[in-house]
Amino acid sequence: MAAKKTLKVRQTGSAIRRPKDQHKTLVGLGLNKVGRERVLEDTPAIRGMIRKVSHMVEIVED
């Protein structure tokens, strides 16, 4: 069984003065403070969430 691909995502921007749906997307990703990092499974749903808030997050290379 192959290992599942993962992404390491870091929040770089604040959710203050952003639409509520963007704030909820960050919370859904497990992010809600600048500098917080999460390792997430690389799925189309997660990629879509990252794309929605791409101006506030970055994918960190290991």
C-alpha atoms as a PDB file:
ATOM      1  CA  MET A   1       0.000   0.000   0.000  1.00  0.00           C
ATOM      2  CA  ALA A   2       1.491   3.324  -1.077  1.00  0.00           C
ATOM      3  CA  ALA A   3       1.881   6.176   1.386  1.00  0.00           C
ATOM      4  CA  LYS A   4      -0.644   8.972   0.964  1.00  0.00           C
ATOM      5  CA  LYS A   5       0.685  12.277  -0.317  1.00  0.00           C
ATOM      6  CA  THR A   6       0.578  15.177   2.097  1.00  0.00           C
ATOM      7  CA  LEU A   7       0.934  18.940   1.957  1.00  0.00           C
ATOM      8  CA  LYS A   8       2.377  21.173   4.657  1.00  0.00           C
ATOM      9  CA  VAL A   9       0.432  24.445   4.719  1.00  0.00           C
ATOM     10  CA  ARG A  10       1.328  27.597   6.675  1.00  0.00           C
ATOM     11  CA  GLN A  11      -0.966  30.564   7.250  1.00  0.00           C
ATOM     12  CA  THR A  12       0.783  33.777   6.228  1.00  0.00           C
ATOM     13  CA  GLY A  13      -2.070  36.293   6.283  1.00  0.00           C
ATOM     14  CA  SER A  14      -4.700  37.361   8.770  1.00  0.00           C
ATOM     15  CA  ALA A  15      -8.404  36.542   8.411  1.00  0.00           C
ATOM     16  CA  ILE A  16      -9.324  39.942   9.809  1.00  0.00           C
ATOM     17  CA  ARG A  17     -11.494  41.931   7.354  1.00  0.00           C
ATOM     18  CA  ARG A  18     -11.918  38.895   5.096  1.00  0.00           C
ATOM     19  CA  PRO A  19     -15.266  37.386   4.069  1.00  0.00           C
ATOM     20  CA  LYS A  20     -16.702  34.885   6.542  1.00  0.00           C
ATOM     21  CA  ASP A  21     -16.442  32.034   4.049  1.00  0.00           C
ATOM     22  CA  GLN A  22     -12.665  32.562   3.790  1.00  0.00           C
ATOM     23  CA  HIS A  23     -12.344  32.568   7.581  1.00  0.00           C
ATOM     24  CA  LYS A  24     -14.358  29.341   7.785  1.00  0.00           C
ATOM     25  CA  THR A  25     -12.163  27.796   5.094  1.00  0.00           C
ATOM     26  CA  LEU A  26      -9.056  28.550   7.176  1.00  0.00           C
ATOM     27  CA  VAL A  27     -10.690  26.959  10.221  1.00  0.00           C
ATOM     28  CA  GLY A  28     -11.617  23.954   8.074  1.00  0.00           C
ATOM     29  CA  LEU A  29      -7.964  23.597   7.121  1.00  0.00           C
ATOM     30  CA  GLY A  30      -7.007  23.700  10.820  1.00  0.00           C
ATOM     31  CA  LEU A  31      -5.527  27.187  10.537  1.00  0.00           C
ATOM     32  CA  ASN A  32      -6.741  30.290  12.359  1.00  0.00           C
ATOM     33  CA  LYS A  33      -3.613  32.150  13.451  1.00  0.00           C
ATOM     34  CA  VAL A  34      -0.785  33.557  11.371  1.00  0.00           C
ATOM     35  CA  GLY A  35       2.231  31.235  11.409  1.00  0.00           C
ATOM     36  CA  ARG A  36       0.285  28.088  12.227  1.00  0.00           C
ATOM     37  CA  GLU A  37       1.182  25.035  10.128  1.00  0.00           C
ATOM     38  CA  ARG A  38      -0.726  21.851   9.343  1.00  0.00           C
ATOM     39  CA  VAL A  39       0.121  18.692   7.436  1.00  0.00           C
ATOM     40  CA  LEU A  40      -2.902  17.790   5.311  1.00  0.00           C
ATOM     41  CA  GLU A  41      -3.724  14.958   2.939  1.00  0.00           C
ATOM     42  CA  ASP A  42      -3.333  15.939  -0.715  1.00  0.00           C
ATOM     43  CA  THR A  43      -6.886  15.595  -2.034  1.00  0.00           C
ATOM     44  CA  PRO A  44      -8.858  17.631  -4.581  1.00  0.00           C
ATOM     45  CA  ALA A  45     -11.045  19.009  -1.771  1.00  0.00           C
ATOM     46  CA  ILE A  46      -8.043  20.244   0.229  1.00  0.00           C
ATOM     47  CA  ARG A  47      -6.471  21.702  -2.932  1.00  0.00           C
ATOM     48  CA  GLY A  48      -9.713  23.609  -3.593  1.00  0.00           C
ATOM     49  CA  MET A  49      -9.752  24.991  -0.056  1.00  0.00           C
ATOM     50  CA  ILE A  50      -6.124  26.089  -0.390  1.00  0.00           C
ATOM     51  CA  ARG A  51      -6.911  27.750  -3.745  1.00  0.00           C
ATOM     52  CA  LYS A  52      -9.785  29.680  -2.136  1.00  0.00           C
ATOM     53  CA  VAL A  53      -7.488  31.238   0.482  1.00  0.00           C
ATOM     54  CA  SER A  54      -4.239  31.134  -1.537  1.00  0.00           C
ATOM     55  CA  HIS A  55      -3.548  34.790  -0.722  1.00  0.00           C
ATOM     56  CA  MET A  56      -3.372  33.910   3.017  1.00  0.00           C
ATOM     57  CA  VAL A  57      -1.502  30.573   2.963  1.00  0.00           C
ATOM     58  CA  GLU A  58       1.611  29.029   1.490  1.00  0.00           C
ATOM     59  CA  ILE A  59       2.619  25.447   0.821  1.00  0.00           C
ATOM     60  CA  VAL A  60       5.837  24.712   2.703  1.00  0.00           C
ATOM     61  CA  GLU A  61       8.457  22.482   1.078  1.00  0.00           C
ATOM     62  CA  ASP A  62       9.963  19.858   3.372  1.00  0.00           C
END
